[in-house]
N, C-alpha and C. Protein backbone atom coordinates (compact mmCIF):
# COMPACT_ATOMS: atom_id res chain seq x y z
N UNK A 1 110.75 104.86 131.18
CA UNK A 1 109.52 104.14 130.85
C UNK A 1 109.16 104.28 129.38
N UNK A 2 110.05 104.91 128.62
CA UNK A 2 109.83 105.13 127.20
C UNK A 2 109.97 103.84 126.39
N UNK A 3 110.80 102.94 126.86
CA UNK A 3 111.14 101.74 126.09
C UNK A 3 109.95 100.83 125.75
N UNK A 4 109.05 100.49 126.70
CA UNK A 4 107.94 99.59 126.34
C UNK A 4 107.03 100.16 125.24
N UNK A 5 106.80 101.46 125.28
CA UNK A 5 105.96 102.07 124.25
C UNK A 5 106.66 102.08 122.90
N UNK A 6 107.95 102.35 122.91
CA UNK A 6 108.72 102.32 121.66
C UNK A 6 108.71 100.92 121.05
N UNK A 7 108.90 99.92 121.90
CA UNK A 7 108.89 98.54 121.44
C UNK A 7 107.52 98.18 120.89
N UNK A 8 106.46 98.61 121.57
CA UNK A 8 105.10 98.33 121.11
C UNK A 8 104.85 98.97 119.75
N UNK A 9 105.30 100.21 119.57
CA UNK A 9 105.11 100.90 118.29
C UNK A 9 105.88 100.20 117.17
N UNK A 10 107.10 99.80 117.46
CA UNK A 10 107.93 99.15 116.44
C UNK A 10 107.38 97.76 116.09
N UNK A 11 107.01 96.98 117.11
CA UNK A 11 106.45 95.64 116.86
C UNK A 11 105.12 95.74 116.11
N UNK A 12 104.28 96.69 116.51
CA UNK A 12 103.00 96.88 115.82
C UNK A 12 103.19 97.26 114.36
N UNK A 13 104.13 98.16 114.10
CA UNK A 13 104.42 98.55 112.72
C UNK A 13 105.00 97.38 111.93
N UNK A 14 105.84 96.59 112.57
CA UNK A 14 106.40 95.40 111.90
C UNK A 14 105.29 94.40 111.56
N UNK A 15 104.35 94.19 112.49
CA UNK A 15 103.24 93.27 112.21
C UNK A 15 102.39 93.77 111.05
N UNK A 16 102.14 95.08 111.02
CA UNK A 16 101.38 95.64 109.90
C UNK A 16 102.13 95.45 108.59
N UNK A 17 103.42 95.71 108.60
CA UNK A 17 104.22 95.57 107.40
C UNK A 17 104.23 94.12 106.93
N UNK A 18 104.35 93.19 107.86
CA UNK A 18 104.34 91.76 107.51
C UNK A 18 103.00 91.37 106.92
N UNK A 19 101.91 91.81 107.52
CA UNK A 19 100.59 91.42 107.00
C UNK A 19 100.35 92.02 105.62
N UNK A 20 100.80 93.25 105.40
CA UNK A 20 100.65 93.86 104.08
C UNK A 20 101.53 93.14 103.05
N UNK A 21 102.76 92.84 103.44
CA UNK A 21 103.68 92.15 102.53
C UNK A 21 103.13 90.77 102.15
N UNK A 22 102.58 90.06 103.12
CA UNK A 22 102.03 88.73 102.84
C UNK A 22 100.86 88.83 101.86
N UNK A 23 100.02 89.82 102.01
CA UNK A 23 98.89 89.95 101.09
C UNK A 23 99.35 90.38 99.71
N UNK A 24 100.40 91.21 99.63
CA UNK A 24 100.94 91.57 98.33
C UNK A 24 101.55 90.36 97.64
N UNK A 25 102.29 89.57 98.38
CA UNK A 25 102.89 88.36 97.80
C UNK A 25 101.80 87.37 97.39
N UNK A 26 100.77 87.27 98.22
CA UNK A 26 99.67 86.36 97.92
C UNK A 26 98.91 86.78 96.66
N UNK A 27 98.91 88.07 96.36
CA UNK A 27 98.24 88.53 95.15
C UNK A 27 98.94 88.00 93.90
N UNK A 28 100.23 87.77 94.00
CA UNK A 28 101.00 87.24 92.87
C UNK A 28 101.07 85.71 92.88
N UNK A 29 101.29 85.14 94.06
CA UNK A 29 101.43 83.68 94.21
C UNK A 29 100.45 83.26 95.29
N UNK A 30 99.45 82.53 94.92
CA UNK A 30 98.39 82.17 95.87
C UNK A 30 98.90 81.11 96.85
N UNK A 31 99.45 81.59 97.97
CA UNK A 31 99.94 80.64 98.97
C UNK A 31 99.17 80.69 100.27
N UNK A 32 98.36 81.70 100.47
CA UNK A 32 97.55 81.77 101.69
C UNK A 32 96.30 80.92 101.55
N UNK A 33 95.73 80.90 100.37
CA UNK A 33 94.49 80.16 100.18
C UNK A 33 93.33 80.86 100.87
N UNK A 34 92.60 80.13 101.66
CA UNK A 34 91.46 80.70 102.37
C UNK A 34 91.78 81.06 103.81
N UNK A 35 93.03 81.14 104.16
CA UNK A 35 93.42 81.42 105.55
C UNK A 35 93.73 82.91 105.76
N UNK A 36 92.87 83.77 105.27
CA UNK A 36 93.08 85.20 105.42
C UNK A 36 92.82 85.68 106.85
N UNK A 37 92.09 84.90 107.62
CA UNK A 37 91.77 85.35 108.98
C UNK A 37 93.03 85.54 109.81
N UNK A 38 94.05 84.73 109.60
CA UNK A 38 95.31 84.90 110.34
C UNK A 38 95.99 86.20 109.94
N UNK A 39 95.96 86.53 108.66
CA UNK A 39 96.58 87.77 108.19
C UNK A 39 95.83 88.97 108.73
N UNK A 40 94.51 88.90 108.73
CA UNK A 40 93.70 89.99 109.26
C UNK A 40 93.92 90.14 110.76
N UNK A 41 94.04 89.04 111.48
CA UNK A 41 94.30 89.09 112.91
C UNK A 41 95.65 89.74 113.20
N UNK A 42 96.66 89.41 112.42
CA UNK A 42 97.97 90.02 112.60
C UNK A 42 97.89 91.53 112.31
N UNK A 43 97.14 91.92 111.30
CA UNK A 43 96.98 93.33 110.97
C UNK A 43 96.27 94.08 112.10
N UNK A 44 95.22 93.49 112.65
CA UNK A 44 94.49 94.13 113.75
C UNK A 44 95.38 94.26 114.98
N UNK A 45 96.13 93.22 115.29
CA UNK A 45 97.06 93.26 116.41
C UNK A 45 98.12 94.34 116.17
N UNK A 46 98.59 94.45 114.94
CA UNK A 46 99.55 95.49 114.59
C UNK A 46 99.00 96.89 114.77
N UNK A 47 97.75 97.10 114.37
CA UNK A 47 97.12 98.41 114.54
C UNK A 47 97.00 98.74 116.03
N UNK A 48 96.54 97.79 116.83
CA UNK A 48 96.38 98.04 118.26
C UNK A 48 97.71 98.33 118.94
N UNK A 49 98.72 97.50 118.67
CA UNK A 49 100.03 97.73 119.27
C UNK A 49 100.64 99.05 118.82
N UNK A 50 100.48 99.37 117.54
CA UNK A 50 101.02 100.63 117.03
C UNK A 50 100.33 101.82 117.68
N UNK A 51 99.02 101.76 117.76
CA UNK A 51 98.26 102.87 118.35
C UNK A 51 98.68 103.11 119.79
N UNK A 52 98.68 102.05 120.58
CA UNK A 52 99.07 102.17 121.99
C UNK A 52 100.52 102.64 122.10
N UNK A 53 101.39 102.02 121.31
CA UNK A 53 102.81 102.36 121.38
C UNK A 53 103.11 103.79 120.98
N UNK A 54 102.53 104.25 119.86
CA UNK A 54 102.81 105.61 119.41
C UNK A 54 102.24 106.67 120.35
N UNK A 55 101.04 106.44 120.88
CA UNK A 55 100.47 107.41 121.81
C UNK A 55 101.29 107.46 123.10
N UNK A 56 101.66 106.30 123.64
CA UNK A 56 102.47 106.28 124.85
C UNK A 56 103.86 106.86 124.63
N UNK A 57 104.45 106.54 123.50
CA UNK A 57 105.79 107.05 123.18
C UNK A 57 105.74 108.56 122.96
N UNK A 58 104.70 109.02 122.27
CA UNK A 58 104.58 110.45 121.98
C UNK A 58 104.36 111.27 123.25
N UNK A 59 103.76 110.66 124.26
CA UNK A 59 103.54 111.37 125.52
C UNK A 59 104.86 111.69 126.23
N UNK A 60 105.93 111.03 125.80
CA UNK A 60 107.21 111.19 126.48
C UNK A 60 108.26 111.91 125.65
N UNK A 61 107.89 112.38 124.49
CA UNK A 61 108.85 113.09 123.64
C UNK A 61 108.37 114.52 123.41
N UNK A 62 109.22 115.33 122.76
CA UNK A 62 108.86 116.74 122.54
C UNK A 62 107.89 116.89 121.36
N UNK A 63 107.40 118.11 121.19
CA UNK A 63 106.39 118.39 120.16
C UNK A 63 106.87 118.16 118.74
N UNK A 64 108.14 118.47 118.48
CA UNK A 64 108.69 118.29 117.13
C UNK A 64 108.72 116.81 116.76
N UNK A 65 109.07 115.96 117.71
CA UNK A 65 109.10 114.52 117.47
C UNK A 65 107.68 113.99 117.27
N UNK A 66 106.72 114.54 117.98
CA UNK A 66 105.32 114.12 117.81
C UNK A 66 104.82 114.46 116.41
N UNK A 67 105.19 115.63 115.91
CA UNK A 67 104.79 116.01 114.55
C UNK A 67 105.42 115.05 113.54
N UNK A 68 106.70 114.72 113.73
CA UNK A 68 107.36 113.77 112.84
C UNK A 68 106.66 112.41 112.88
N UNK A 69 106.30 111.94 114.08
CA UNK A 69 105.57 110.68 114.21
C UNK A 69 104.24 110.75 113.47
N UNK A 70 103.53 111.88 113.62
CA UNK A 70 102.23 112.05 112.96
C UNK A 70 102.37 111.98 111.44
N UNK A 71 103.40 112.61 110.91
CA UNK A 71 103.61 112.60 109.45
C UNK A 71 103.92 111.19 108.98
N UNK A 72 104.80 110.50 109.70
CA UNK A 72 105.16 109.12 109.31
C UNK A 72 103.95 108.19 109.38
N UNK A 73 103.16 108.31 110.45
CA UNK A 73 101.98 107.46 110.61
C UNK A 73 100.94 107.76 109.53
N UNK A 74 100.77 109.03 109.21
CA UNK A 74 99.77 109.40 108.20
C UNK A 74 100.14 108.88 106.82
N UNK A 75 101.42 108.93 106.47
CA UNK A 75 101.84 108.53 105.13
C UNK A 75 102.14 107.04 104.99
N UNK A 76 102.15 106.30 106.07
CA UNK A 76 102.44 104.86 106.00
C UNK A 76 101.50 104.11 105.06
N UNK A 77 100.17 104.28 105.16
CA UNK A 77 99.29 103.56 104.22
C UNK A 77 99.49 104.00 102.76
N UNK A 78 99.80 105.28 102.55
CA UNK A 78 100.03 105.74 101.18
C UNK A 78 101.28 105.11 100.59
N UNK A 79 102.33 105.01 101.40
CA UNK A 79 103.56 104.36 100.94
C UNK A 79 103.31 102.88 100.68
N UNK A 80 102.52 102.25 101.54
CA UNK A 80 102.19 100.83 101.34
C UNK A 80 101.47 100.61 100.03
N UNK A 81 100.58 101.50 99.67
CA UNK A 81 99.87 101.37 98.41
C UNK A 81 100.80 101.66 97.23
N UNK A 82 101.64 102.68 97.35
CA UNK A 82 102.57 103.01 96.25
C UNK A 82 103.57 101.88 96.00
N UNK A 83 103.98 101.21 97.03
CA UNK A 83 104.89 100.07 96.87
C UNK A 83 104.12 98.87 96.31
N UNK A 84 102.89 98.69 96.75
CA UNK A 84 102.13 97.51 96.38
C UNK A 84 101.54 97.52 94.99
N UNK A 85 101.25 98.68 94.45
CA UNK A 85 100.61 98.74 93.13
C UNK A 85 101.48 98.09 92.05
N UNK A 86 102.79 98.35 92.00
CA UNK A 86 103.59 97.63 90.99
C UNK A 86 103.64 96.12 91.23
N UNK A 87 103.54 95.71 92.48
CA UNK A 87 103.61 94.28 92.79
C UNK A 87 102.36 93.56 92.31
N UNK A 88 101.19 94.13 92.59
CA UNK A 88 99.95 93.46 92.23
C UNK A 88 99.43 93.88 90.87
N UNK A 89 100.11 94.79 90.22
CA UNK A 89 99.72 95.18 88.87
C UNK A 89 98.52 96.08 88.79
N UNK A 90 98.28 96.89 89.79
CA UNK A 90 97.19 97.84 89.75
C UNK A 90 95.86 97.31 90.25
N UNK A 91 95.70 96.01 90.29
CA UNK A 91 94.46 95.46 90.83
C UNK A 91 94.73 94.98 92.24
N UNK A 92 93.82 95.24 93.12
CA UNK A 92 93.99 94.85 94.51
C UNK A 92 92.98 93.76 94.84
N UNK A 93 93.34 92.51 94.60
CA UNK A 93 92.39 91.42 94.79
C UNK A 93 92.20 91.02 96.24
N UNK A 94 91.13 90.30 96.45
CA UNK A 94 90.91 89.66 97.74
C UNK A 94 90.88 90.61 98.92
N UNK A 95 91.50 90.17 99.97
CA UNK A 95 91.48 90.91 101.22
C UNK A 95 92.51 92.04 101.23
N UNK A 96 93.36 92.09 100.23
CA UNK A 96 94.43 93.07 100.17
C UNK A 96 93.90 94.50 100.28
N UNK A 97 92.92 94.84 99.48
CA UNK A 97 92.40 96.20 99.51
C UNK A 97 91.75 96.51 100.85
N UNK A 98 91.18 95.50 101.49
CA UNK A 98 90.54 95.73 102.78
C UNK A 98 91.58 95.97 103.87
N UNK A 99 92.68 95.24 103.84
CA UNK A 99 93.72 95.44 104.86
C UNK A 99 94.39 96.79 104.68
N UNK A 100 94.83 97.10 103.49
CA UNK A 100 95.52 98.37 103.27
C UNK A 100 94.54 99.53 103.40
N UNK A 101 93.34 99.37 102.86
CA UNK A 101 92.34 100.42 102.99
C UNK A 101 91.92 100.67 104.42
N UNK A 102 91.88 99.62 105.21
CA UNK A 102 91.49 99.77 106.62
C UNK A 102 92.57 100.47 107.43
N UNK A 103 93.76 100.61 106.90
CA UNK A 103 94.82 101.32 107.62
C UNK A 103 94.63 102.83 107.58
N UNK A 104 93.88 103.33 106.60
CA UNK A 104 93.74 104.77 106.48
C UNK A 104 93.04 105.40 107.68
N UNK A 105 91.95 104.83 108.14
CA UNK A 105 91.22 105.43 109.26
C UNK A 105 92.05 105.43 110.55
N UNK A 106 92.61 104.29 110.98
CA UNK A 106 93.43 104.35 112.20
C UNK A 106 94.65 105.25 112.05
N UNK A 107 95.26 105.27 110.86
CA UNK A 107 96.43 106.13 110.66
C UNK A 107 96.03 107.60 110.75
N UNK A 108 94.88 107.94 110.18
CA UNK A 108 94.40 109.32 110.24
C UNK A 108 94.07 109.72 111.67
N UNK A 109 93.37 108.86 112.39
CA UNK A 109 93.01 109.16 113.78
C UNK A 109 94.27 109.29 114.64
N UNK A 110 95.22 108.38 114.47
CA UNK A 110 96.45 108.43 115.25
C UNK A 110 97.25 109.68 114.90
N UNK A 111 97.32 110.04 113.63
CA UNK A 111 98.04 111.24 113.24
C UNK A 111 97.41 112.49 113.85
N UNK A 112 96.09 112.56 113.85
CA UNK A 112 95.39 113.70 114.47
C UNK A 112 95.67 113.74 115.97
N UNK A 113 95.65 112.56 116.62
CA UNK A 113 95.93 112.51 118.07
C UNK A 113 97.35 112.98 118.36
N UNK A 114 98.30 112.56 117.54
CA UNK A 114 99.69 112.98 117.75
C UNK A 114 99.87 114.48 117.51
N UNK A 115 99.18 115.01 116.51
CA UNK A 115 99.25 116.46 116.27
C UNK A 115 98.62 117.22 117.42
N UNK A 116 97.49 116.72 117.95
CA UNK A 116 96.86 117.35 119.10
C UNK A 116 97.78 117.31 120.32
N UNK A 117 98.45 116.20 120.51
CA UNK A 117 99.40 116.09 121.62
C UNK A 117 100.56 117.07 121.44
N UNK A 118 101.02 117.24 120.21
CA UNK A 118 102.10 118.19 119.94
C UNK A 118 101.65 119.62 120.18
N UNK A 119 100.40 119.91 119.80
CA UNK A 119 99.87 121.26 119.99
C UNK A 119 99.71 121.59 121.48
N UNK A 120 99.28 120.63 122.26
CA UNK A 120 99.13 120.89 123.69
C UNK A 120 100.48 120.96 124.39
N UNK A 121 101.49 120.34 123.84
CA UNK A 121 102.82 120.41 124.44
C UNK A 121 103.41 121.80 124.25
N UNK A 122 103.06 122.46 123.17
CA UNK A 122 103.58 123.81 122.91
C UNK A 122 102.81 124.88 123.67
N UNK A 123 101.57 124.59 124.03
CA UNK A 123 100.73 125.59 124.71
C UNK A 123 101.12 125.75 126.16
């Protein structure tokens, strides 16, 4: 039963990556226009799928894997910003800062949940 959660986590992360990439590209070449609601919807769907997928997947793996998941989830928004700053030139226009910035809270909460799950698995 591990497979659906793994797929959900991977698809959710892919949706987040796509929405962030689209906003980074849009910062350089204005091709989205005023249709940011679709990008935000994809980002929200990605957060939900990732959250459900990682929690369900982590419930079925050992504590060491949960810690690894927590570290990867926690650093994902930081990596997204480090990759994006050279692309957008240091300024984060439009909805870009809101999408990437909004990833910090869910990533932090999910990382804490995964660490708590790892701690209870060892106890």
